[in-house]
PDB file of N, CA and C in Angstrom:
ATOM      1  N   MET A   1      -4.248   6.648  -3.342  1.00  0.00           N
ATOM      2  CA  MET A   1      -5.523   6.361  -3.940  1.00  0.00           C
ATOM      3  C   MET A   1      -5.997   5.007  -3.420  1.00  0.00           C
ATOM      4  N   THR A   2      -7.261   4.978  -2.989  1.00  0.00           N
ATOM      5  CA  THR A   2      -7.845   3.741  -2.491  1.00  0.00           C
ATOM      6  C   THR A   2      -9.032   3.316  -3.326  1.00  0.00           C
ATOM      7  N   ASP A   3      -9.349   2.043  -3.320  1.00  0.00           N
ATOM      8  CA  ASP A   3     -10.506   1.566  -4.034  1.00  0.00           C
ATOM      9  C   ASP A   3     -11.761   2.043  -3.392  1.00  0.00           C
ATOM     10  N   GLU A   4     -11.838   2.103  -2.095  1.00  0.00           N
ATOM     11  CA  GLU A   4     -13.063   2.378  -1.405  1.00  0.00           C
ATOM     12  C   GLU A   4     -13.450   3.849  -1.287  1.00  0.00           C
ATOM     13  N   VAL A   5     -12.466   4.729  -1.033  1.00  0.00           N
ATOM     14  CA  VAL A   5     -12.803   6.119  -0.770  1.00  0.00           C
ATOM     15  C   VAL A   5     -11.991   7.131  -1.612  1.00  0.00           C
ATOM     16  N   GLY A   6     -11.219   6.624  -2.547  1.00  0.00           N
ATOM     17  CA  GLY A   6     -10.387   7.523  -3.340  1.00  0.00           C
ATOM     18  C   GLY A   6      -9.150   7.971  -2.608  1.00  0.00           C
ATOM     19  N   VAL A   7      -8.758   9.228  -2.845  1.00  0.00           N
ATOM     20  CA  VAL A   7      -7.542   9.732  -2.220  1.00  0.00           C
ATOM     21  C   VAL A   7      -7.692   9.974  -0.772  1.00  0.00           C
ATOM     22  N   ILE A   8      -6.662   9.574   0.024  1.00  0.00           N
ATOM     23  CA  ILE A   8      -6.634   9.926   1.434  1.00  0.00           C
ATOM     24  C   ILE A   8      -5.248  10.539   1.683  1.00  0.00           C
ATOM     25  N   THR A   9      -5.253  11.504   2.607  1.00  0.00           N
ATOM     26  CA  THR A   9      -4.004  12.222   2.928  1.00  0.00           C
ATOM     27  C   THR A   9      -3.931  12.382   4.431  1.00  0.00           C
ATOM     28  N   GLY A  10      -2.778  12.745   4.872  1.00  0.00           N
ATOM     29  CA  GLY A  10      -2.515  12.971   6.329  1.00  0.00           C
ATOM     30  C   GLY A  10      -1.640  11.947   6.894  1.00  0.00           C
ATOM     31  N   ASP A  11      -1.794  11.722   8.198  1.00  0.00           N
ATOM     32  CA  ASP A  11      -0.977  10.725   8.912  1.00  0.00           C
ATOM     33  C   ASP A  11      -1.529   9.339   8.615  1.00  0.00           C
ATOM     34  N   LEU A  12      -0.762   8.550   7.865  1.00  0.00           N
ATOM     35  CA  LEU A  12      -1.276   7.298   7.366  1.00  0.00           C
ATOM     36  C   LEU A  12      -0.391   6.110   7.797  1.00  0.00           C
ATOM     37  N   THR A  13      -0.989   4.944   7.876  1.00  0.00           N
ATOM     38  CA  THR A  13      -0.285   3.693   8.160  1.00  0.00           C
ATOM     39  C   THR A  13      -0.498   2.778   6.967  1.00  0.00           C
ATOM     40  N   LEU A  14       0.555   2.154   6.496  1.00  0.00           N
ATOM     41  CA  LEU A  14       0.490   1.279   5.320  1.00  0.00           C
ATOM     42  C   LEU A  14       0.933  -0.116   5.741  1.00  0.00           C
ATOM     43  N   THR A  15       0.203  -1.143   5.233  1.00  0.00           N
ATOM     44  CA  THR A  15       0.661  -2.528   5.495  1.00  0.00           C
ATOM     45  C   THR A  15       0.814  -3.229   4.097  1.00  0.00           C
ATOM     46  N   THR A  16       1.808  -4.060   4.044  1.00  0.00           N
ATOM     47  CA  THR A  16       2.079  -4.852   2.880  1.00  0.00           C
ATOM     48  C   THR A  16       2.115  -6.344   3.315  1.00  0.00           C
ATOM     49  N   THR A  17       1.127  -7.112   2.910  1.00  0.00           N
ATOM     50  CA  THR A  17       1.008  -8.481   3.391  1.00  0.00           C
ATOM     51  C   THR A  17       1.261  -9.450   2.230  1.00  0.00           C
ATOM     52  N   PRO A  18       2.370 -10.203   2.299  1.00  0.00           N
ATOM     53  CA  PRO A  18       2.656 -11.193   1.228  1.00  0.00           C
ATOM     54  C   PRO A  18       1.594 -12.279   1.174  1.00  0.00           C
ATOM     55  N   ARG A  19       1.341 -12.734  -0.069  1.00  0.00           N
ATOM     56  CA  ARG A  19       0.396 -13.804  -0.289  1.00  0.00           C
ATOM     57  C   ARG A  19       1.199 -14.990  -0.903  1.00  0.00           C
ATOM     58  N   PRO A  20       0.667 -16.207  -0.794  1.00  0.00           N
ATOM     59  CA  PRO A  20       1.411 -17.345  -1.324  1.00  0.00           C
ATOM     60  C   PRO A  20       1.544 -17.361  -2.845  1.00  0.00           C
ATOM     61  N   ASP A  21       0.788 -16.524  -3.569  1.00  0.00           N
ATOM     62  CA  ASP A  21       0.847 -16.508  -5.018  1.00  0.00           C
ATOM     63  C   ASP A  21       1.852 -15.552  -5.593  1.00  0.00           C
ATOM     64  N   GLY A  22       2.738 -14.974  -4.706  1.00  0.00           N
ATOM     65  CA  GLY A  22       3.762 -14.049  -5.213  1.00  0.00           C
ATOM     66  C   GLY A  22       3.324 -12.591  -5.258  1.00  0.00           C
ATOM     67  N   TYR A  23       2.132 -12.322  -4.763  1.00  0.00           N
ATOM     68  CA  TYR A  23       1.658 -10.926  -4.746  1.00  0.00           C
ATOM     69  C   TYR A  23       1.537 -10.510  -3.300  1.00  0.00           C
ATOM     70  N   ALA A  24       1.350  -9.230  -3.108  1.00  0.00           N
ATOM     71  CA  ALA A  24       1.151  -8.689  -1.755  1.00  0.00           C
ATOM     72  C   ALA A  24      -0.092  -7.810  -1.773  1.00  0.00           C
ATOM     73  N   THR A  25      -0.901  -7.946  -0.701  1.00  0.00           N
ATOM     74  CA  THR A  25      -2.069  -7.120  -0.469  1.00  0.00           C
ATOM     75  C   THR A  25      -1.579  -5.894   0.264  1.00  0.00           C
ATOM     76  N   VAL A  26      -1.957  -4.732  -0.252  1.00  0.00           N
ATOM     77  CA  VAL A  26      -1.510  -3.453   0.328  1.00  0.00           C
ATOM     78  C   VAL A  26      -2.771  -2.697   0.825  1.00  0.00           C
ATOM     79  N   ARG A  27      -2.715  -2.364   2.106  1.00  0.00           N
ATOM     80  CA  ARG A  27      -3.815  -1.628   2.750  1.00  0.00           C
ATOM     81  C   ARG A  27      -3.257  -0.418   3.464  1.00  0.00           C
ATOM     82  N   ILE A  28      -4.139   0.544   3.617  1.00  0.00           N
ATOM     83  CA  ILE A  28      -3.766   1.846   4.213  1.00  0.00           C
ATOM     84  C   ILE A  28      -4.873   2.335   5.098  1.00  0.00           C
ATOM     85  N   GLN A  29      -4.487   3.098   6.135  1.00  0.00           N
ATOM     86  CA  GLN A  29      -5.472   3.640   7.013  1.00  0.00           C
ATOM     87  C   GLN A  29      -4.966   4.990   7.548  1.00  0.00           C
ATOM     88  N   TYR A  30      -5.933   5.776   8.016  1.00  0.00           N
ATOM     89  CA  TYR A  30      -5.524   6.966   8.824  1.00  0.00           C
ATOM     90  C   TYR A  30      -4.972   6.374  10.126  1.00  0.00           C
ATOM     91  N   THR A  31      -3.787   6.782  10.509  1.00  0.00           N
ATOM     92  CA  THR A  31      -3.191   6.281  11.702  1.00  0.00           C
ATOM     93  C   THR A  31      -4.077   6.397  12.907  1.00  0.00           C
ATOM     94  N   GLY A  32      -4.304   5.260  13.592  1.00  0.00           N
ATOM     95  CA  GLY A  32      -5.152   5.246  14.761  1.00  0.00           C
ATOM     96  C   GLY A  32      -6.609   4.934  14.453  1.00  0.00           C
ATOM     97  N   ALA A  33      -7.000   4.958  13.218  1.00  0.00           N
ATOM     98  CA  ALA A  33      -8.391   4.634  12.845  1.00  0.00           C
ATOM     99  C   ALA A  33      -8.621   3.132  12.811  1.00  0.00           C
ATOM    100  N   GLU A  34      -9.864   2.697  12.778  1.00  0.00           N
ATOM    101  CA  GLU A  34     -10.157   1.276  12.695  1.00  0.00           C
ATOM    102  C   GLU A  34     -10.268   0.819  11.253  1.00  0.00           C
ATOM    103  N   GLU A  35     -10.688   1.667  10.318  1.00  0.00           N
ATOM    104  CA  GLU A  35     -10.970   1.340   8.962  1.00  0.00           C
ATOM    105  C   GLU A  35      -9.682   1.231   8.177  1.00  0.00           C
ATOM    106  N   TRP A  36      -9.574   0.169   7.401  1.00  0.00           N
ATOM    107  CA  TRP A  36      -8.479  -0.029   6.460  1.00  0.00           C
ATOM    108  C   TRP A  36      -9.052   0.045   5.070  1.00  0.00           C
ATOM    109  N   TYR A  37      -8.253   0.579   4.117  1.00  0.00           N
ATOM    110  CA  TYR A  37      -8.657   0.706   2.736  1.00  0.00           C
ATOM    111  C   TYR A  37      -7.629  -0.008   1.857  1.00  0.00           C
ATOM    112  N   THR A  38      -8.114  -0.512   0.757  1.00  0.00           N
ATOM    113  CA  THR A  38      -7.224  -1.233  -0.198  1.00  0.00           C
ATOM    114  C   THR A  38      -6.586  -0.198  -1.117  1.00  0.00           C
ATOM    115  N   LEU A  39      -5.273  -0.229  -1.201  1.00  0.00           N
ATOM    116  CA  LEU A  39      -4.540   0.701  -2.107  1.00  0.00           C
ATOM    117  C   LEU A  39      -4.882   0.281  -3.543  1.00  0.00           C
ATOM    118  N   THR A  40      -5.203   1.222  -4.382  1.00  0.00           N
ATOM    119  CA  THR A  40      -5.548   0.938  -5.769  1.00  0.00           C
ATOM    120  C   THR A  40      -4.433   0.146  -6.415  1.00  0.00           C
ATOM    121  N   ASP A  41      -4.836  -0.824  -7.181  1.00  0.00           N
ATOM    122  CA  ASP A  41      -3.951  -1.803  -7.896  1.00  0.00           C
ATOM    123  C   ASP A  41      -3.421  -2.903  -7.034  1.00  0.00           C
ATOM    124  N   SER A  42      -3.838  -2.961  -5.765  1.00  0.00           N
ATOM    125  CA  SER A  42      -3.467  -4.093  -4.894  1.00  0.00           C
ATOM    126  C   SER A  42      -4.380  -5.237  -5.264  1.00  0.00           C
ATOM    127  N   PRO A  43      -3.818  -6.451  -5.289  1.00  0.00           N
ATOM    128  CA  PRO A  43      -2.519  -6.879  -4.888  1.00  0.00           C
ATOM    129  C   PRO A  43      -1.463  -6.564  -5.963  1.00  0.00           C
ATOM    130  N   LEU A  44      -0.229  -6.349  -5.471  1.00  0.00           N
ATOM    131  CA  LEU A  44       0.878  -6.053  -6.372  1.00  0.00           C
ATOM    132  C   LEU A  44       1.872  -7.190  -6.361  1.00  0.00           C
ATOM    133  N   PRO A  45       2.550  -7.395  -7.495  1.00  0.00           N
ATOM    134  CA  PRO A  45       3.568  -8.464  -7.551  1.00  0.00           C
ATOM    135  C   PRO A  45       4.731  -8.140  -6.599  1.00  0.00           C
ATOM    136  N   ILE A  46       5.184  -9.149  -5.884  1.00  0.00           N
ATOM    137  CA  ILE A  46       6.358  -8.979  -5.032  1.00  0.00           C
ATOM    138  C   ILE A  46       7.649  -9.060  -5.919  1.00  0.00           C
ATOM    139  N   PRO A  47       8.474  -8.043  -5.876  1.00  0.00           N
ATOM    140  CA  PRO A  47       9.665  -8.025  -6.717  1.00  0.00           C
ATOM    141  C   PRO A  47      10.718  -9.030  -6.235  1.00  0.00           C
ATOM    142  N   PRO A  48      11.700  -9.320  -7.034  1.00  0.00           N
ATOM    143  CA  PRO A  48      12.738 -10.292  -6.644  1.00  0.00           C
ATOM    144  C   PRO A  48      13.433  -9.877  -5.330  1.00  0.00           C
ATOM    145  N   ALA A  49      13.497  -8.584  -5.029  1.00  0.00           N
ATOM    146  CA  ALA A  49      14.185  -8.173  -3.814  1.00  0.00           C
ATOM    147  C   ALA A  49      13.309  -8.430  -2.560  1.00  0.00           C
ATOM    148  N   GLY A  50      12.054  -8.881  -2.738  1.00  0.00           N
ATOM    149  CA  GLY A  50      11.263  -9.278  -1.610  1.00  0.00           C
ATOM    150  C   GLY A  50      10.200  -8.284  -1.215  1.00  0.00           C
ATOM    151  N   PRO A  51       9.334  -8.735  -0.285  1.00  0.00           N
ATOM    152  CA  PRO A  51       8.227  -7.866   0.137  1.00  0.00           C
ATOM    153  C   PRO A  51       8.653  -6.624   0.898  1.00  0.00           C
ATOM    154  N   GLU A  52       9.802  -6.704   1.601  1.00  0.00           N
ATOM    155  CA  GLU A  52      10.283  -5.536   2.329  1.00  0.00           C
ATOM    156  C   GLU A  52      10.647  -4.438   1.355  1.00  0.00           C
ATOM    157  N   SER A  53      11.245  -4.791   0.214  1.00  0.00           N
ATOM    158  CA  SER A  53      11.531  -3.815  -0.828  1.00  0.00           C
ATOM    159  C   SER A  53      10.299  -3.209  -1.386  1.00  0.00           C
ATOM    160  N   LEU A  54       9.287  -3.979  -1.641  1.00  0.00           N
ATOM    161  CA  LEU A  54       8.008  -3.446  -2.129  1.00  0.00           C
ATOM    162  C   LEU A  54       7.425  -2.475  -1.123  1.00  0.00           C
ATOM    163  N   HIS A  55       7.420  -2.888   0.129  1.00  0.00           N
ATOM    164  CA  HIS A  55       6.863  -2.011   1.174  1.00  0.00           C
ATOM    165  C   HIS A  55       7.582  -0.716   1.294  1.00  0.00           C
ATOM    166  N   ALA A  56       8.922  -0.770   1.308  1.00  0.00           N
ATOM    167  CA  ALA A  56       9.742   0.459   1.382  1.00  0.00           C
ATOM    168  C   ALA A  56       9.431   1.411   0.181  1.00  0.00           C
ATOM    169  N   GLY A  57       9.316   0.846  -0.966  1.00  0.00           N
ATOM    170  CA  GLY A  57       9.016   1.668  -2.149  1.00  0.00           C
ATOM    171  C   GLY A  57       7.651   2.299  -2.052  1.00  0.00           C
ATOM    172  N   LEU A  58       6.657   1.536  -1.611  1.00  0.00           N
ATOM    173  CA  LEU A  58       5.330   2.060  -1.436  1.00  0.00           C
ATOM    174  C   LEU A  58       5.253   3.134  -0.396  1.00  0.00           C
ATOM    175  N   VAL A  59       5.922   2.938   0.715  1.00  0.00           N
ATOM    176  CA  VAL A  59       5.924   3.980   1.776  1.00  0.00           C
ATOM    177  C   VAL A  59       6.522   5.290   1.226  1.00  0.00           C
ATOM    178  N   GLU A  60       7.642   5.145   0.467  1.00  0.00           N
ATOM    179  CA  GLU A  60       8.242   6.386  -0.040  1.00  0.00           C
ATOM    180  C   GLU A  60       7.292   7.045  -1.089  1.00  0.00           C
ATOM    181  N   ALA A  61       6.680   6.286  -1.903  1.00  0.00           N
ATOM    182  CA  ALA A  61       5.730   6.791  -2.928  1.00  0.00           C
ATOM    183  C   ALA A  61       4.531   7.490  -2.249  1.00  0.00           C
ATOM    184  N   VAL A  62       3.997   6.902  -1.195  1.00  0.00           N
ATOM    185  CA  VAL A  62       2.882   7.527  -0.479  1.00  0.00           C
ATOM    186  C   VAL A  62       3.350   8.848   0.178  1.00  0.00           C
ATOM    187  N   ARG A  63       4.548   8.812   0.793  1.00  0.00           N
ATOM    188  CA  ARG A  63       5.090  10.020   1.403  1.00  0.00           C
ATOM    189  C   ARG A  63       5.209  11.137   0.376  1.00  0.00           C
ATOM    190  N   GLN A  64       5.616  10.783  -0.849  1.00  0.00           N
ATOM    191  CA  GLN A  64       5.781  11.808  -1.863  1.00  0.00           C
ATOM    192  C   GLN A  64       4.443  12.168  -2.590  1.00  0.00           C
ATOM    193  N   GLY A  65       3.424  11.420  -2.250  1.00  0.00           N
ATOM    194  CA  GLY A  65       2.100  11.671  -2.875  1.00  0.00           C
ATOM    195  C   GLY A  65       2.014  11.313  -4.316  1.00  0.00           C
ATOM    196  N   ASP A  66       2.891  10.382  -4.777  1.00  0.00           N
ATOM    197  CA  ASP A  66       2.876  10.092  -6.219  1.00  0.00           C
ATOM    198  C   ASP A  66       2.599   8.614  -6.507  1.00  0.00           C
ATOM    199  N   PHE A  67       1.942   7.894  -5.605  1.00  0.00           N
ATOM    200  CA  PHE A  67       1.649   6.511  -5.853  1.00  0.00           C
ATOM    201  C   PHE A  67       0.637   6.427  -6.999  1.00  0.00           C
ATOM    202  N   ARG A  68       1.000   5.699  -8.036  1.00  0.00           N
ATOM    203  CA  ARG A  68       0.076   5.501  -9.195  1.00  0.00           C
ATOM    204  C   ARG A  68      -0.036   3.989  -9.463  1.00  0.00           C
ATOM    205  N   GLY A  69       0.147   3.118  -8.468  1.00  0.00           N
ATOM    206  CA  GLY A  69       0.009   1.709  -8.696  1.00  0.00           C
ATOM    207  C   GLY A  69       1.249   1.054  -9.276  1.00  0.00           C
ATOM    208  N   GLN A  70       2.359   1.754  -9.264  1.00  0.00           N
ATOM    209  CA  GLN A  70       3.632   1.262  -9.740  1.00  0.00           C
ATOM    210  C   GLN A  70       3.509   0.760 -11.132  1.00  0.00           C
TER     211      GLN A  70
END
């Protein structure tokens, strides 16, 4: 689910960008497209395990189609 266009499906690319305030901005796009969309509920807090852990969890949730903003 994205803020700009709602649900997107298909071959997607996800980025998780840490911010200095302890949150991470999460964006998603159709792979190869120019447009990026903000994942609903982004920015998300970075867990104690770090931004890589957050990213891995988000990728898995998107793959399963069950991302609800954690």
